[in-house]
Amino acid sequence: MVGIEADYLVVGAGAMGMAFVDTLLTETTGATVVLVDENHQPGGHWNAVYPFVRLHQPSAYYGVNSRPLGNEDSIDTGGWNEGFFELATGHEVCAYYDQVMRHHLLPTGRLSYFPAARYLGDNRFRTLDGTEHTVSVRRRVVDATYLLTVVQSMRPAPPFAVADGVDVVTPNELPRRAADHRHYTIVGGGKTGMDCCLWLLRNGVPAERLRWIMPRDSWLLNRANIQPGPGFVKQLRDSISTRMTAITEATSLEDLFDRLEADENLLRLDPTVRPTMYHCAIVSLGELEHLRLIEDVVRLGHIDRVEQDRLVLAQGTIPVPTPSLYVDCTTPGLPRPPSVPVFDGDRITLQSVRGCQQVFSAAFIAHVEAAYGDSADDDAARNDLCEPIPHPDAPVDWLRILLSDNRSQIRWLQDPELLDWLQSARLNVLRDLFPTFPADRPRVREKAIGALTVALDKTNQRLAALMDSR
C-alpha cells in the first residue's frame, strides 16, 4: 500500500474533471491534486467516441478555461456549419486534453495524475500494475464521474434482440462497414443518430437508402443562437429578446413552442410532428435541411427485435424489403441522476449548474471552491451559487432549465467579483453579453443589474405559470 497526501482527490479525468482541475490549479497558488482515471489518457468518453464525431457546440467555449481548443477565432467558411465557429473533431478533443495535461497541468508540479487506475472508494485506488494507493485528503474528494457519459462502444450489445444474419454495428464501426451495404437503418433520434445520418449523406449515400428509427422526435437548439464572441453578440441578444417575448405572450406550452419555432429559437425535424423530447441537441439550418431529406422515418417506439424480413417495434411491426446495416445509436447520452448538493463536507460532486453546460459548470464550481472561504463552513454560500440543474428529457424541461438558469443568474449578478469572472471565462458562452461597466461608475452598473434582475424575475414568474398550466 502506497500513501499519498494531497489537498484534493479528483476521481475522473473526463471533460468535467479536467475543467475543474484546470481552474483549481490556475486560481490557487498552493493546492495539490491527485487525479485518478480509468482511461489511458484524459478525455473521458471522448476516448471511445465514433471517428466522425464533432462537437455540436462551438470549440470556442469547450475544454478548459485556461487553454483554447483549436483556433479561437476560426469561422468555418464551407459546409453545413458555414459562418459559425469551428466544431472540433473527437480526435482533436482527445489530442487537446492530452496536451493540456502534458503541457499545462503536470508542469505545475502540483498534480499527480494516475491514468489506467481504478478507484476503489474510501480514498483508495489501484494502478495498472496492481499497486494500491491511499490518499490522505486535506480538503475534499471530488466526484467527476457523477454525470458519466456512456457511448455505444462502451456497451456489450444493443438493447434489442437481433436475429442471426442481421448486421448491427455501433457508430464506431460504421465507416469500416458502410461500403459493404446498400441500405442503412439508423436506430435512435438523438445527437448520435443525427450524426450518423449526416455522415452517410455527406459521403454521397442517397437519402432514399436510409431508414431512421425515431422513437421520439426532439426539439433542437439553433446553433446560430449559441455563438460566443463580440461578432455574434447582437444575434445572441436578439434570440434572448425574442425568447423572452414568446414567454411573455404565450397562452399555453404548445403556443410557447410554436412561437419559439417561429423565431427559430427551437427547431424540429418534421413541422407536422410535435416533439416529445428535448436533450439540448444542436443543429445548424444546413444540417436540418439535409436531415429532412430522409423520408423513411419510423415513429413506432423503440425496437424490440430485428429479424431478417421485419422489424418488431413497441407500437407495431414493419417489413424489411432489403437487407440493411443497422447502426445502434440508442444510448441516452445525457445521464440524469438525482441532484445532490455540490458541496457537502469533505466532498464535491460535479454537476451542471447551467443547463447542459457541463464543462463551464465544472470550472465555475472550481472557481467558487477557490474563491469563497477557506473551510466547509462556507458551503451554504457555495451551494447557493451552485444549484444543480438536472439534464432535460421532455420539452417542459426547456422551461425548467431556463427558469433555473435565470434564478442562478440573478444570484450571480449580485456578486461583482463573480460577474467579473464570468465575463473573463472562455467557457462562458454569455461572456460578451453583459457590457463592462467602469469601476468609477458603480451606480450605472447597479442600475443595469437591477433592470436585468427585474426582467429575469418577471420571465421566471411567467415560466412558472406556464409550467403550472400543464
Protein backbone atom coordinates (compact mmCIF):
# COMPACT_ATOMS: atom_id res chain seq x y z
CA MET A 1 0.00 0.00 0.00
CA VAL A 2 1.40 3.39 -1.09
CA GLY A 3 0.39 6.53 0.79
CA ILE A 4 -0.06 9.93 -0.86
CA GLU A 5 -1.02 13.31 0.60
CA ALA A 6 -2.92 15.98 -1.34
CA ASP A 7 -5.46 18.75 -0.84
CA TYR A 8 -7.87 17.25 -3.37
CA LEU A 9 -8.54 13.80 -4.76
CA VAL A 10 -10.38 14.10 -8.08
CA VAL A 11 -11.96 10.93 -9.47
CA GLY A 12 -12.42 11.15 -13.24
CA ALA A 13 -10.32 12.90 -15.90
CA GLY A 14 -13.17 13.44 -18.34
CA ALA A 15 -14.31 16.83 -19.61
CA MET A 16 -15.72 17.92 -16.24
CA GLY A 17 -12.78 16.63 -14.21
CA MET A 18 -10.27 18.34 -16.48
CA ALA A 19 -12.16 21.65 -16.39
CA PHE A 20 -12.33 21.51 -12.59
CA VAL A 21 -8.63 20.68 -12.10
CA ASP A 22 -7.53 23.31 -14.62
CA THR A 23 -9.42 26.11 -12.85
CA LEU A 24 -8.41 24.93 -9.37
CA LEU A 25 -4.70 24.83 -10.25
CA THR A 26 -4.90 28.11 -12.15
CA GLU A 27 -6.73 30.05 -9.45
CA THR A 28 -4.97 28.70 -6.37
CA THR A 29 -1.29 29.07 -5.56
CA GLY A 30 -0.62 26.05 -3.41
CA ALA A 31 -3.38 23.44 -3.79
CA THR A 32 -2.21 19.95 -4.69
CA VAL A 33 -4.35 17.42 -6.57
CA VAL A 34 -4.36 13.68 -7.14
CA LEU A 35 -6.31 12.85 -10.32
CA VAL A 36 -7.39 9.23 -10.85
CA ASP A 37 -8.98 7.91 -14.05
CA GLU A 38 -9.75 4.53 -15.62
CA ASN A 39 -8.81 5.62 -19.16
CA HIS A 40 -5.30 5.53 -20.55
CA GLN A 41 -5.39 9.26 -21.25
CA PRO A 42 -7.59 12.21 -20.22
CA GLY A 43 -10.85 13.00 -22.01
CA GLY A 44 -13.33 10.51 -20.54
CA HIS A 45 -15.89 9.25 -23.06
CA TRP A 46 -14.10 11.12 -25.87
CA ASN A 47 -11.65 8.20 -25.89
CA ALA A 48 -14.46 5.88 -27.02
CA VAL A 49 -16.44 8.03 -29.48
CA TYR A 50 -17.03 7.30 -33.17
CA PRO A 51 -14.36 8.61 -35.55
CA PHE A 52 -16.54 11.16 -37.35
CA VAL A 53 -17.99 12.79 -34.23
CA ARG A 54 -17.75 16.55 -33.84
CA LEU A 55 -18.78 18.89 -31.11
CA HIS A 56 -22.31 20.19 -31.52
CA GLN A 57 -21.37 23.41 -29.70
CA PRO A 58 -18.54 25.70 -30.85
CA SER A 59 -15.00 24.77 -29.85
CA ALA A 60 -14.66 28.37 -28.68
CA TYR A 61 -16.30 27.51 -25.35
CA TYR A 62 -15.40 23.87 -24.83
CA GLY A 63 -12.47 22.31 -22.98
CA VAL A 64 -10.74 24.02 -20.06
CA ASN A 65 -10.81 27.67 -19.13
CA SER A 66 -7.12 28.45 -19.47
CA ARG A 67 -6.41 26.97 -22.91
CA PRO A 68 -8.25 27.45 -26.23
CA LEU A 69 -9.42 24.41 -28.16
CA GLY A 70 -8.18 24.88 -31.71
CA ASN A 71 -8.19 28.37 -33.19
CA GLU A 72 -10.43 30.53 -31.01
CA ASP A 73 -11.22 32.87 -33.91
CA SER A 74 -11.72 30.25 -36.63
CA ILE A 75 -15.03 30.54 -38.51
CA ASP A 76 -15.98 27.74 -40.89
CA THR A 77 -16.12 29.00 -44.48
CA GLY A 78 -17.86 25.99 -46.01
CA GLY A 79 -20.03 23.01 -45.23
CA TRP A 80 -23.15 22.81 -43.10
CA ASN A 81 -21.55 24.86 -40.30
CA GLU A 82 -20.59 27.72 -42.60
CA GLY A 83 -20.41 31.11 -40.90
CA PHE A 84 -20.10 29.72 -37.38
CA PHE A 85 -17.22 28.92 -35.04
CA GLU A 86 -15.47 25.65 -35.82
CA LEU A 87 -16.55 22.35 -34.28
CA ALA A 88 -13.64 20.20 -33.09
CA THR A 89 -13.49 16.54 -34.10
CA GLY A 90 -13.28 13.80 -31.49
CA HIS A 91 -9.61 13.24 -32.37
CA GLU A 92 -8.91 16.94 -31.86
CA VAL A 93 -10.65 16.91 -28.48
CA CYS A 94 -8.60 13.90 -27.29
CA ALA A 95 -5.35 15.49 -28.51
CA TYR A 96 -6.32 18.75 -26.81
CA TYR A 97 -6.87 17.12 -23.42
CA ASP A 98 -3.59 15.23 -23.73
CA GLN A 99 -1.77 18.50 -24.47
CA VAL A 100 -3.50 20.31 -21.61
CA MET A 101 -2.37 17.54 -19.28
CA ARG A 102 1.23 17.34 -20.51
CA HIS A 103 1.95 20.99 -21.23
CA HIS A 104 -0.13 22.82 -18.63
CA LEU A 105 -1.39 20.80 -15.67
CA LEU A 106 1.53 18.45 -14.95
CA PRO A 107 4.17 21.19 -15.28
CA THR A 108 2.62 23.00 -12.30
CA GLY A 109 4.21 20.34 -10.09
CA ARG A 110 1.01 20.25 -8.02
CA LEU A 111 -0.82 17.48 -9.89
CA SER A 112 -0.26 13.75 -9.53
CA TYR A 113 -2.04 12.01 -12.41
CA PHE A 114 -2.82 8.28 -12.39
CA PRO A 115 -4.30 7.00 -15.69
CA ALA A 116 -5.46 3.38 -16.18
CA ALA A 117 -6.30 3.29 -12.46
CA ARG A 118 -9.44 2.02 -10.75
CA TYR A 119 -10.93 3.99 -7.87
CA LEU A 120 -11.88 1.61 -5.05
CA GLY A 121 -13.69 4.06 -2.74
CA ASP A 122 -12.56 5.33 0.67
CA ASN A 123 -9.79 7.41 -0.94
CA ARG A 124 -8.13 4.27 -2.37
CA PHE A 125 -7.26 3.34 -5.94
CA ARG A 126 -5.39 0.60 -7.77
CA THR A 127 -2.98 1.29 -10.62
CA LEU A 128 -2.46 -0.96 -13.63
CA ASP A 129 0.47 -2.79 -12.00
CA GLY A 130 -1.77 -3.85 -9.12
CA THR A 131 -0.41 -1.42 -6.57
CA GLU A 132 -2.97 0.01 -4.17
CA HIS A 133 -2.70 3.64 -3.12
CA THR A 134 -4.35 5.51 -0.26
CA VAL A 135 -4.74 9.29 -0.46
CA SER A 136 -4.70 11.36 2.70
CA VAL A 137 -7.01 14.20 1.58
CA ARG A 138 -6.64 17.51 3.39
CA ARG A 139 -9.67 19.23 1.84
CA ARG A 140 -12.07 17.41 -0.49
CA VAL A 141 -12.74 14.36 -2.61
CA VAL A 142 -14.19 15.46 -5.96
CA ASP A 143 -16.51 13.11 -7.85
CA ALA A 144 -16.16 13.99 -11.55
CA THR A 145 -17.99 10.83 -12.65
CA TYR A 146 -21.50 11.60 -11.36
CA LEU A 147 -22.59 12.67 -14.86
CA LEU A 148 -20.65 9.90 -16.59
CA THR A 149 -21.50 9.68 -20.29
CA VAL A 150 -21.82 6.20 -21.79
CA VAL A 151 -21.50 5.86 -25.57
CA GLN A 152 -22.47 2.91 -27.75
CA SER A 153 -18.99 1.38 -27.98
CA MET A 154 -18.88 1.10 -24.18
CA ARG A 155 -21.81 -1.38 -24.14
CA PRO A 156 -21.51 -5.11 -24.84
CA ALA A 157 -24.63 -5.38 -27.04
CA PRO A 158 -27.59 -3.37 -28.38
CA PRO A 159 -30.72 -3.14 -26.19
CA PHE A 160 -32.85 -5.15 -28.64
CA ALA A 161 -32.89 -8.75 -29.90
CA VAL A 162 -31.13 -9.44 -33.21
CA ALA A 163 -31.78 -12.46 -35.44
CA ASP A 164 -28.91 -14.46 -36.92
CA GLY A 165 -27.53 -12.95 -40.08
CA VAL A 166 -28.61 -9.36 -39.32
CA ASP A 167 -25.77 -6.83 -39.25
CA VAL A 168 -25.84 -4.43 -36.28
CA VAL A 169 -22.90 -2.10 -35.62
CA THR A 170 -22.02 0.76 -33.32
CA PRO A 171 -21.33 4.18 -34.88
CA ASN A 172 -17.61 3.48 -34.31
CA GLU A 173 -17.80 0.63 -36.84
CA LEU A 174 -19.89 2.49 -39.43
CA PRO A 175 -17.03 3.91 -41.57
CA ARG A 176 -15.40 0.47 -41.84
CA ARG A 177 -18.61 -1.44 -42.56
CA ALA A 178 -20.63 1.04 -44.62
CA ALA A 179 -19.14 0.13 -48.00
CA ASP A 180 -20.45 -3.44 -47.76
CA HIS A 181 -24.11 -2.36 -47.71
CA ARG A 182 -26.64 -0.63 -49.94
CA HIS A 183 -29.16 0.25 -47.24
CA TYR A 184 -28.81 1.65 -43.72
CA THR A 185 -31.13 1.76 -40.72
CA ILE A 186 -30.22 4.36 -38.11
CA VAL A 187 -31.68 3.43 -34.72
CA GLY A 188 -32.13 6.43 -32.41
CA GLY A 189 -33.29 10.01 -32.83
CA GLY A 190 -30.72 11.85 -30.69
CA LYS A 191 -27.40 13.54 -31.43
CA THR A 192 -25.63 10.31 -32.41
CA GLY A 193 -28.43 9.29 -34.76
CA MET A 194 -28.30 12.69 -36.44
CA ASP A 195 -24.52 12.45 -36.76
CA CYS A 196 -24.73 9.03 -38.45
CA CYS A 197 -27.40 10.23 -40.89
CA LEU A 198 -25.37 13.32 -41.76
CA TRP A 199 -22.16 11.30 -42.18
CA LEU A 200 -23.84 8.97 -44.67
CA LEU A 201 -25.43 11.86 -46.57
CA ARG A 202 -22.17 13.80 -46.59
CA ASN A 203 -20.45 10.79 -48.14
CA GLY A 204 -22.90 10.57 -51.01
CA VAL A 205 -25.42 8.00 -49.79
CA PRO A 206 -28.83 8.99 -51.22
CA ALA A 207 -31.48 9.77 -48.63
CA GLU A 208 -33.78 7.10 -50.08
CA ARG A 209 -31.31 4.43 -48.93
CA LEU A 210 -31.71 5.47 -45.30
CA ARG A 211 -34.33 4.41 -42.79
CA TRP A 212 -34.42 6.31 -39.49
CA ILE A 213 -35.98 4.69 -36.40
CA MET A 214 -37.08 7.60 -34.24
CA PRO A 215 -38.85 6.59 -31.01
CA ARG A 216 -39.30 10.27 -30.11
CA ASP A 217 -38.92 13.48 -32.08
CA SER A 218 -36.87 16.17 -30.40
CA TRP A 219 -36.84 19.92 -30.13
CA LEU A 220 -33.43 21.12 -31.31
CA LEU A 221 -31.37 24.21 -30.50
CA ASN A 222 -30.35 26.50 -33.35
CA ARG A 223 -26.54 26.76 -33.48
CA ALA A 224 -26.81 30.30 -34.83
CA ASN A 225 -28.06 31.45 -31.43
CA ILE A 226 -25.27 30.00 -29.30
CA GLN A 227 -22.20 31.56 -30.90
CA PRO A 228 -19.85 33.37 -28.50
CA GLY A 229 -17.76 36.46 -29.06
CA PRO A 230 -18.36 40.11 -29.95
CA GLY A 231 -19.18 39.30 -33.58
CA PHE A 232 -22.27 37.32 -32.56
CA VAL A 233 -23.43 39.29 -29.52
CA LYS A 234 -26.25 41.01 -31.44
CA GLN A 235 -27.56 37.64 -32.66
CA LEU A 236 -27.37 36.30 -29.10
CA ARG A 237 -29.19 39.30 -27.65
CA ASP A 238 -31.85 39.19 -30.35
CA SER A 239 -32.52 35.50 -29.73
CA ILE A 240 -32.84 36.12 -25.98
CA SER A 241 -35.17 39.05 -26.62
CA THR A 242 -37.47 37.06 -28.92
CA ARG A 243 -37.41 34.18 -26.45
CA MET A 244 -38.49 36.43 -23.58
CA THR A 245 -41.24 37.95 -25.75
CA ALA A 246 -42.51 34.48 -26.64
CA ILE A 247 -42.62 33.52 -22.96
CA THR A 248 -44.48 36.73 -22.07
CA GLU A 249 -47.08 36.40 -24.82
CA ALA A 250 -47.62 32.62 -24.89
CA THR A 251 -51.04 31.37 -23.81
CA SER A 252 -50.01 27.73 -23.30
CA LEU A 253 -47.00 25.43 -23.54
CA GLU A 254 -47.93 24.45 -27.09
CA ASP A 255 -48.30 28.09 -28.07
CA LEU A 256 -44.91 28.87 -26.50
CA PHE A 257 -43.11 26.20 -28.52
CA ASP A 258 -44.87 27.37 -31.69
CA ARG A 259 -43.60 30.90 -31.03
CA LEU A 260 -40.08 29.67 -30.25
CA GLU A 261 -40.09 27.72 -33.51
CA ALA A 262 -41.35 30.70 -35.49
CA ASP A 263 -38.42 32.75 -34.12
CA GLU A 264 -36.00 29.87 -34.85
CA ASN A 265 -35.00 29.63 -31.20
CA LEU A 266 -36.05 25.97 -31.40
CA LEU A 267 -36.22 23.69 -34.43
CA ARG A 268 -37.71 20.28 -35.24
CA LEU A 269 -37.20 17.70 -37.92
CA ASP A 270 -40.80 17.48 -39.14
CA PRO A 271 -43.10 20.53 -38.76
CA THR A 272 -46.10 18.17 -38.71
CA VAL A 273 -44.85 16.07 -35.75
CA ARG A 274 -44.98 17.51 -32.23
CA PRO A 275 -41.70 16.62 -30.43
CA THR A 276 -41.88 14.81 -27.10
CA MET A 277 -38.15 15.00 -26.32
CA TYR A 278 -35.63 17.73 -25.53
CA HIS A 279 -31.96 16.78 -24.94
CA CYS A 280 -30.17 20.06 -25.77
CA ALA A 281 -29.08 18.72 -29.18
CA ILE A 282 -27.81 21.45 -31.51
CA VAL A 283 -28.07 21.74 -35.30
CA SER A 284 -27.46 24.33 -37.96
CA LEU A 285 -30.17 25.10 -40.50
CA GLY A 286 -27.94 23.50 -43.15
CA GLU A 287 -27.77 20.24 -41.20
CA LEU A 288 -31.52 20.31 -40.59
CA GLU A 289 -32.20 20.83 -44.29
CA HIS A 290 -30.28 17.66 -45.15
CA LEU A 291 -31.81 15.60 -42.33
CA ARG A 292 -35.23 16.47 -43.72
CA LEU A 293 -34.30 14.71 -46.98
CA ILE A 294 -34.78 11.37 -45.20
CA GLU A 295 -38.40 10.39 -45.79
CA ASP A 296 -38.38 6.87 -44.35
CA VAL A 297 -38.72 7.86 -40.69
CA VAL A 298 -40.31 5.22 -38.45
CA ARG A 299 -42.15 6.53 -35.40
CA LEU A 300 -43.39 3.36 -33.70
CA GLY A 301 -41.39 3.49 -30.48
CA HIS A 302 -38.30 1.50 -29.56
CA ILE A 303 -37.19 -1.63 -31.41
CA ASP A 304 -37.91 -4.91 -29.62
CA ARG A 305 -36.49 -7.29 -32.22
CA VAL A 306 -34.74 -7.14 -35.60
CA GLU A 307 -35.45 -10.06 -37.92
CA GLN A 308 -34.39 -10.76 -41.49
CA ASP A 309 -37.68 -9.68 -43.02
CA ARG A 310 -39.28 -7.41 -40.41
CA LEU A 311 -38.79 -5.01 -37.53
CA VAL A 312 -40.79 -5.54 -34.36
CA LEU A 313 -41.26 -2.26 -32.50
CA ALA A 314 -43.14 -1.31 -29.35
CA GLN A 315 -46.08 0.06 -31.38
CA GLY A 316 -46.11 -2.13 -34.46
CA THR A 317 -44.30 -4.30 -36.97
CA ILE A 318 -42.95 -3.18 -40.35
CA PRO A 319 -41.45 -5.17 -43.23
CA VAL A 320 -37.77 -5.05 -44.18
CA PRO A 321 -37.79 -5.18 -48.01
CA THR A 322 -34.00 -5.21 -48.41
CA PRO A 323 -31.02 -6.24 -46.25
CA SER A 324 -29.84 -3.31 -44.15
CA LEU A 325 -26.94 -2.32 -41.93
CA TYR A 326 -28.37 -1.35 -38.53
CA VAL A 327 -26.49 1.38 -36.65
CA ASP A 328 -27.20 1.33 -32.92
CA CYS A 329 -27.46 4.92 -31.68
CA THR A 330 -29.68 4.19 -28.71
CA THR A 331 -27.72 5.26 -25.62
CA PRO A 332 -29.47 8.08 -23.75
CA GLY A 333 -26.43 10.38 -23.94
CA LEU A 334 -27.14 12.75 -21.07
CA PRO A 335 -27.21 10.95 -17.70
CA ARG A 336 -29.96 12.05 -15.31
CA PRO A 337 -29.06 11.06 -11.74
CA PRO A 338 -30.87 12.87 -8.92
CA SER A 339 -29.38 16.20 -7.88
CA VAL A 340 -27.27 16.25 -4.73
CA PRO A 341 -25.52 19.17 -3.00
CA VAL A 342 -22.40 20.13 -4.94
CA PHE A 343 -20.52 20.97 -1.74
CA ASP A 344 -21.08 18.51 1.09
CA GLY A 345 -18.48 18.50 3.84
CA ASP A 346 -15.38 16.77 2.55
CA ARG A 347 -16.95 16.02 -0.86
CA ILE A 348 -17.66 17.90 -4.08
CA THR A 349 -19.98 16.29 -6.64
CA LEU A 350 -19.62 17.92 -10.05
CA GLN A 351 -22.96 18.62 -11.75
CA SER A 352 -24.37 21.10 -14.26
CA VAL A 353 -25.07 24.47 -12.65
CA ARG A 354 -26.05 25.93 -16.02
CA GLY A 355 -28.33 23.91 -18.26
CA CYS A 356 -26.40 21.45 -20.46
CA GLN A 357 -23.14 23.34 -19.89
CA GLN A 358 -21.08 20.69 -18.15
CA VAL A 359 -17.53 21.98 -18.68
CA PHE A 360 -18.47 25.55 -17.81
CA SER A 361 -20.21 24.23 -14.70
CA ALA A 362 -17.13 22.29 -13.56
CA ALA A 363 -14.88 25.33 -13.98
CA PHE A 364 -17.45 27.52 -12.20
CA ILE A 365 -17.60 25.10 -9.26
CA ALA A 366 -13.80 25.10 -9.03
CA HIS A 367 -13.76 28.90 -9.00
CA VAL A 368 -16.37 29.02 -6.24
CA GLU A 369 -14.35 26.46 -4.26
CA ALA A 370 -11.18 28.52 -4.63
CA ALA A 371 -12.64 31.99 -4.10
CA TYR A 372 -15.32 31.65 -1.41
CA GLY A 373 -13.92 30.95 2.02
CA ASP A 374 -11.36 28.51 3.35
CA SER A 375 -13.48 25.94 5.13
CA ALA A 376 -16.52 23.73 4.79
CA ASP A 377 -18.39 26.28 6.92
CA ASP A 378 -18.78 28.33 3.75
CA ASP A 379 -20.59 25.54 1.90
CA ALA A 380 -24.04 27.08 2.36
CA ALA A 381 -22.91 30.15 0.41
CA ARG A 382 -21.17 27.98 -2.18
CA ASN A 383 -24.22 25.78 -2.68
CA ASP A 384 -26.40 28.85 -3.07
CA LEU A 385 -24.26 29.83 -6.05
CA CYS A 386 -24.08 26.28 -7.42
CA GLU A 387 -27.61 24.92 -7.64
CA PRO A 388 -27.57 21.68 -9.70
CA ILE A 389 -29.71 21.61 -12.84
CA PRO A 390 -30.64 18.06 -13.91
CA HIS A 391 -30.31 17.24 -17.59
CA PRO A 392 -33.51 17.52 -19.64
CA ASP A 393 -35.64 14.80 -21.19
CA ALA A 394 -39.10 16.20 -22.04
CA PRO A 395 -39.95 19.52 -23.77
CA VAL A 396 -41.18 21.05 -20.49
CA ASP A 397 -37.59 20.72 -19.26
CA TRP A 398 -36.67 23.56 -21.62
CA LEU A 399 -38.73 25.81 -19.35
CA ARG A 400 -37.40 24.23 -16.16
CA ILE A 401 -33.79 24.72 -17.23
CA LEU A 402 -34.33 28.32 -18.32
CA LEU A 403 -36.07 29.10 -15.03
CA SER A 404 -33.15 27.59 -13.09
CA ASP A 405 -30.58 29.38 -15.26
CA ASN A 406 -32.35 32.70 -14.71
CA ARG A 407 -32.55 32.10 -10.97
CA SER A 408 -28.82 31.37 -10.84
CA GLN A 409 -28.01 34.38 -12.99
CA ILE A 410 -29.93 36.63 -10.58
CA ARG A 411 -27.78 35.32 -7.71
CA TRP A 412 -24.56 35.68 -9.69
CA LEU A 413 -25.37 39.27 -10.69
CA GLN A 414 -25.30 40.32 -7.03
CA ASP A 415 -21.60 39.46 -6.74
CA PRO A 416 -19.31 41.92 -8.62
CA GLU A 417 -16.26 39.63 -8.36
CA LEU A 418 -18.20 36.69 -9.72
CA LEU A 419 -19.61 38.80 -12.56
CA ASP A 420 -16.05 39.82 -13.48
CA TRP A 421 -15.02 36.15 -13.56
CA LEU A 422 -17.99 35.27 -15.77
CA GLN A 423 -17.03 38.00 -18.22
CA SER A 424 -13.46 36.63 -18.46
CA ALA A 425 -14.23 32.89 -18.61
CA ARG A 426 -13.72 31.43 -22.11
CA LEU A 427 -16.09 28.56 -21.24
CA ASN A 428 -18.93 31.03 -20.66
CA VAL A 429 -20.96 31.40 -23.87
CA LEU A 430 -22.58 34.50 -22.36
CA ARG A 431 -19.27 36.22 -21.55
CA ASP A 432 -19.79 39.06 -24.04
CA LEU A 433 -23.48 39.53 -23.31
CA PHE A 434 -23.02 41.99 -20.45
CA PRO A 435 -21.10 45.23 -21.02
CA THR A 436 -18.07 46.06 -18.90
CA PHE A 437 -19.03 48.89 -16.56
CA PRO A 438 -16.41 51.49 -15.49
CA ALA A 439 -15.22 50.94 -11.92
CA ASP A 440 -15.77 54.62 -11.15
CA ARG A 441 -19.46 54.46 -12.14
CA PRO A 442 -20.98 51.96 -9.69
CA ARG A 443 -24.46 53.48 -9.97
CA VAL A 444 -24.57 52.73 -13.72
CA ARG A 445 -23.66 49.14 -13.02
CA GLU A 446 -26.19 48.82 -10.20
CA LYS A 447 -28.96 50.31 -12.35
CA ALA A 448 -28.26 47.93 -15.26
CA ILE A 449 -28.06 44.89 -12.99
CA GLY A 450 -31.25 45.95 -11.24
CA ALA A 451 -33.15 46.24 -14.53
CA LEU A 452 -31.88 42.85 -15.71
CA THR A 453 -32.81 41.25 -12.39
CA VAL A 454 -36.37 42.57 -12.67
CA ALA A 455 -36.67 41.27 -16.25
CA LEU A 456 -35.36 37.82 -15.31
CA ASP A 457 -37.68 37.63 -12.32
CA LYS A 458 -40.71 38.51 -14.47
CA THR A 459 -39.70 35.91 -17.03
CA ASN A 460 -39.42 33.31 -14.29
CA GLN A 461 -42.87 34.12 -12.97
CA ARG A 462 -44.28 33.58 -16.45
CA LEU A 463 -42.31 30.34 -16.91
CA ALA A 464 -43.66 29.02 -13.62
CA ALA A 465 -47.24 29.91 -14.63
CA LEU A 466 -46.84 28.12 -17.98
CA MET A 467 -45.46 25.03 -16.27
CA ASP A 468 -48.34 25.04 -13.77
CA SER A 469 -50.84 25.23 -16.65
CA ARG A 470 -49.96 21.75 -17.96
